[in-house]
């Protein structure tokens, strides 16, 4: 089955279907935007008394049974879908929730917008930003978009020092990303106080901005923008950007925790701590894999090989591909490859049918492929990897060649 290319359905049309549904299954792609959109829809269904189930999948499909309604979020597959291709899925979910007569949480929707690579107020998110401002839910300030307070060197109430949170953030890629000690050395000359003012935050943001574009791709200057001058919020995390970073990590690292967080209007301390722990582990692992990768440039794409990096390929490779695309790649497509795991992940600047390309490439080696227009992944068959490292590597090389040809 291929990825559909249909436009996002009209909010009132999908809302009408959901209003009459006896049961709704929400299946989200494994990214922060789709996870946030699922949270917006799920809360709306809860408010209207409609039973539902929500989960995350690498390749959502129509799972409706009998008279149930299945909604694929972040993917265009299925009759009731919010693709997230023309605009962030979170903005469409926000509009659908309003059409259901619900007042959705604009902070969750805005976190999805940032997770999608956009900036609050753009790409159809104006209504959500206006709602957040009217409710005094957000306020823009200088600094960096982290999920925790950036005011201490020894750790805030969450026990995460300023340097460690900066090293774990996947909104940026710098010389000290993935290395809390290096981050601490980098910011030490700033002599930031425990309670930083606006000027202190500007100095930190300036350091991060310069480091993010130093020896990086031309795209890095635009990519780092969503991490700077963040919207502080009264949500479960300090900034909208930090919230987005956590959701994106959870969608791959701990999807069950991600669903619970997206559905919780006021997450308790245990849930918040679990989310932050998964975010920190994921971000540090992804950055370390990027630093250890061997990167090769080809016509139209770069390939980052992370063989030997001690990472969970299924969860970390997509983030590695995105970081390489945004901060290391002069080409529009980046592919992260782990031959030992027999997996790869790809990310492109614009939708180029990556999901379909990965499905086609995977078929060449009897493997599994998945994805959307701008993201994709594949895994070679268990039979190939079980036959030994050489057989698995050969199969992945074949699949990679097919993918490069397809894009």
Foldseek 3Di string as FASTA:
>chain_A
DAFDDDAADQLLVLLVLLLPFQEEEEEEALFLLQLLLVLQQVLLCVVSVHHYHYFYDNFDEFPDDDRHGYEYECTRHDPHYQNCAQAGSLLSSCSNSVSNVHNTQLLSSQLSRVRSLHHQCPRNNVVSVVVCVVVVFWDWAWAFDAFADLQAQQADPLRAGNLLRVLLFLLAAFPCNLPSVVSCVQCVVLVHHNDHDRVSRNVNLVSRLCRRQVVWAPLSNSSNVRGGRFIQGPANGGTSNNSSLLLRQCSQQPGVLSNVRSNDRHDDPVSSSVSVVSSSVQRSLLNVQLVQWDWDDDVQEIETESEPRPDDCRRRQQSNQVSCCRIHDNHQKYKYDYLLQQKIKMFGPHFQSLQVLLCVLQVVQVWHKGDHRGIIMIGHDPVQVVVDSVSSNVSSVSSVVSSVVSD
